[in-house]
Protein backbone atom coordinates (compact mmCIF):
# COMPACT_ATOMS: atom_id res chain seq x y z
CA UNK A 1 0.00 0.00 0.00
CA UNK A 2 1.44 3.35 -1.03
CA UNK A 3 1.28 6.27 1.32
CA UNK A 4 -0.39 9.40 0.03
CA UNK A 5 1.90 12.38 -0.49
CA UNK A 6 0.53 15.80 0.36
CA UNK A 7 1.80 19.05 -1.11
CA UNK A 8 2.63 21.42 1.73
CA UNK A 9 3.68 25.05 1.66
CA UNK A 10 6.44 25.76 4.18
CA UNK A 11 7.70 29.13 5.41
CA UNK A 12 10.86 30.37 7.12
CA UNK A 13 9.85 31.93 10.45
CA UNK A 14 12.68 34.45 10.20
CA UNK A 15 12.66 35.83 6.63
CA UNK A 16 9.27 34.50 5.37
CA UNK A 17 10.81 32.61 2.39
CA UNK A 18 8.27 30.00 1.15
CA UNK A 19 8.58 26.70 -0.74
CA UNK A 20 6.24 23.88 -1.73
CA UNK A 21 7.33 20.36 -0.71
CA UNK A 22 5.74 16.90 -0.64
CA UNK A 23 5.43 15.66 2.96
CA UNK A 24 6.11 11.93 2.45
CA UNK A 25 8.95 12.47 -0.04
CA UNK A 26 10.96 15.25 1.60
CA UNK A 27 12.19 16.27 5.04
CA UNK A 28 11.51 19.77 6.24
CA UNK A 29 13.94 21.93 4.27
CA UNK A 30 16.25 24.58 5.63
CA UNK A 31 15.80 28.15 4.42
CA UNK A 32 18.45 28.94 1.78
CA UNK A 33 18.84 32.47 3.20
CA UNK A 34 18.77 31.88 6.98
CA UNK A 35 19.82 28.20 7.23
CA UNK A 36 17.09 27.36 9.80
CA UNK A 37 14.33 24.75 9.51
CA UNK A 38 11.18 25.95 7.80
CA UNK A 39 7.66 25.44 9.24
CA UNK A 40 4.40 24.32 7.66
CA UNK A 41 2.44 27.32 6.42
CA UNK A 42 -0.40 25.57 4.61
CA UNK A 43 -1.49 22.12 3.45
CA UNK A 44 -2.26 22.55 -0.24
CA UNK A 45 -5.42 20.63 -1.09
CA UNK A 46 -6.27 22.37 -4.37
CA UNK A 47 -4.54 24.58 -6.92
CA UNK A 48 -3.63 28.15 -6.06
CA UNK A 49 -3.67 31.16 -8.32
CA UNK A 50 -2.09 34.48 -7.49
C-alpha atoms as a PDB file:
ATOM      1  CA  UNK A   1       0.000   0.000   0.000  1.00  0.00           C
ATOM      2  CA  UNK A   2       1.441   3.349  -1.033  1.00  0.00           C
ATOM      3  CA  UNK A   3       1.276   6.272   1.322  1.00  0.00           C
ATOM      4  CA  UNK A   4      -0.387   9.403   0.026  1.00  0.00           C
ATOM      5  CA  UNK A   5       1.901  12.377  -0.488  1.00  0.00           C
ATOM      6  CA  UNK A   6       0.531  15.799   0.358  1.00  0.00           C
ATOM      7  CA  UNK A   7       1.798  19.046  -1.114  1.00  0.00           C
ATOM      8  CA  UNK A   8       2.633  21.418   1.730  1.00  0.00           C
ATOM      9  CA  UNK A   9       3.677  25.054   1.656  1.00  0.00           C
ATOM     10  CA  UNK A  10       6.441  25.764   4.180  1.00  0.00           C
ATOM     11  CA  UNK A  11       7.696  29.131   5.406  1.00  0.00           C
ATOM     12  CA  UNK A  12      10.856  30.369   7.117  1.00  0.00           C
ATOM     13  CA  UNK A  13       9.854  31.925  10.453  1.00  0.00           C
ATOM     14  CA  UNK A  14      12.676  34.452  10.202  1.00  0.00           C
ATOM     15  CA  UNK A  15      12.664  35.830   6.629  1.00  0.00           C
ATOM     16  CA  UNK A  16       9.265  34.504   5.369  1.00  0.00           C
ATOM     17  CA  UNK A  17      10.808  32.607   2.390  1.00  0.00           C
ATOM     18  CA  UNK A  18       8.271  30.002   1.153  1.00  0.00           C
ATOM     19  CA  UNK A  19       8.577  26.704  -0.743  1.00  0.00           C
ATOM     20  CA  UNK A  20       6.238  23.881  -1.733  1.00  0.00           C
ATOM     21  CA  UNK A  21       7.330  20.363  -0.715  1.00  0.00           C
ATOM     22  CA  UNK A  22       5.739  16.901  -0.642  1.00  0.00           C
ATOM     23  CA  UNK A  23       5.425  15.659   2.956  1.00  0.00           C
ATOM     24  CA  UNK A  24       6.114  11.931   2.449  1.00  0.00           C
ATOM     25  CA  UNK A  25       8.954  12.472  -0.036  1.00  0.00           C
ATOM     26  CA  UNK A  26      10.960  15.246   1.599  1.00  0.00           C
ATOM     27  CA  UNK A  27      12.186  16.266   5.037  1.00  0.00           C
ATOM     28  CA  UNK A  28      11.509  19.774   6.241  1.00  0.00           C
ATOM     29  CA  UNK A  29      13.943  21.927   4.273  1.00  0.00           C
ATOM     30  CA  UNK A  30      16.251  24.584   5.626  1.00  0.00           C
ATOM     31  CA  UNK A  31      15.800  28.148   4.425  1.00  0.00           C
ATOM     32  CA  UNK A  32      18.451  28.944   1.779  1.00  0.00           C
ATOM     33  CA  UNK A  33      18.836  32.467   3.199  1.00  0.00           C
ATOM     34  CA  UNK A  34      18.768  31.876   6.980  1.00  0.00           C
ATOM     35  CA  UNK A  35      19.820  28.199   7.234  1.00  0.00           C
ATOM     36  CA  UNK A  36      17.091  27.358   9.804  1.00  0.00           C
ATOM     37  CA  UNK A  37      14.327  24.746   9.514  1.00  0.00           C
ATOM     38  CA  UNK A  38      11.183  25.950   7.795  1.00  0.00           C
ATOM     39  CA  UNK A  39       7.657  25.438   9.238  1.00  0.00           C
ATOM     40  CA  UNK A  40       4.404  24.316   7.657  1.00  0.00           C
ATOM     41  CA  UNK A  41       2.442  27.316   6.421  1.00  0.00           C
ATOM     42  CA  UNK A  42      -0.405  25.575   4.611  1.00  0.00           C
ATOM     43  CA  UNK A  43      -1.489  22.117   3.451  1.00  0.00           C
ATOM     44  CA  UNK A  44      -2.257  22.547  -0.244  1.00  0.00           C
ATOM     45  CA  UNK A  45      -5.422  20.629  -1.091  1.00  0.00           C
ATOM     46  CA  UNK A  46      -6.273  22.374  -4.371  1.00  0.00           C
ATOM     47  CA  UNK A  47      -4.538  24.580  -6.919  1.00  0.00           C
ATOM     48  CA  UNK A  48      -3.630  28.148  -6.064  1.00  0.00           C
ATOM     49  CA  UNK A  49      -3.668  31.164  -8.323  1.00  0.00           C
ATOM     50  CA  UNK A  50      -2.093  34.482  -7.490  1.00  0.00           C
END
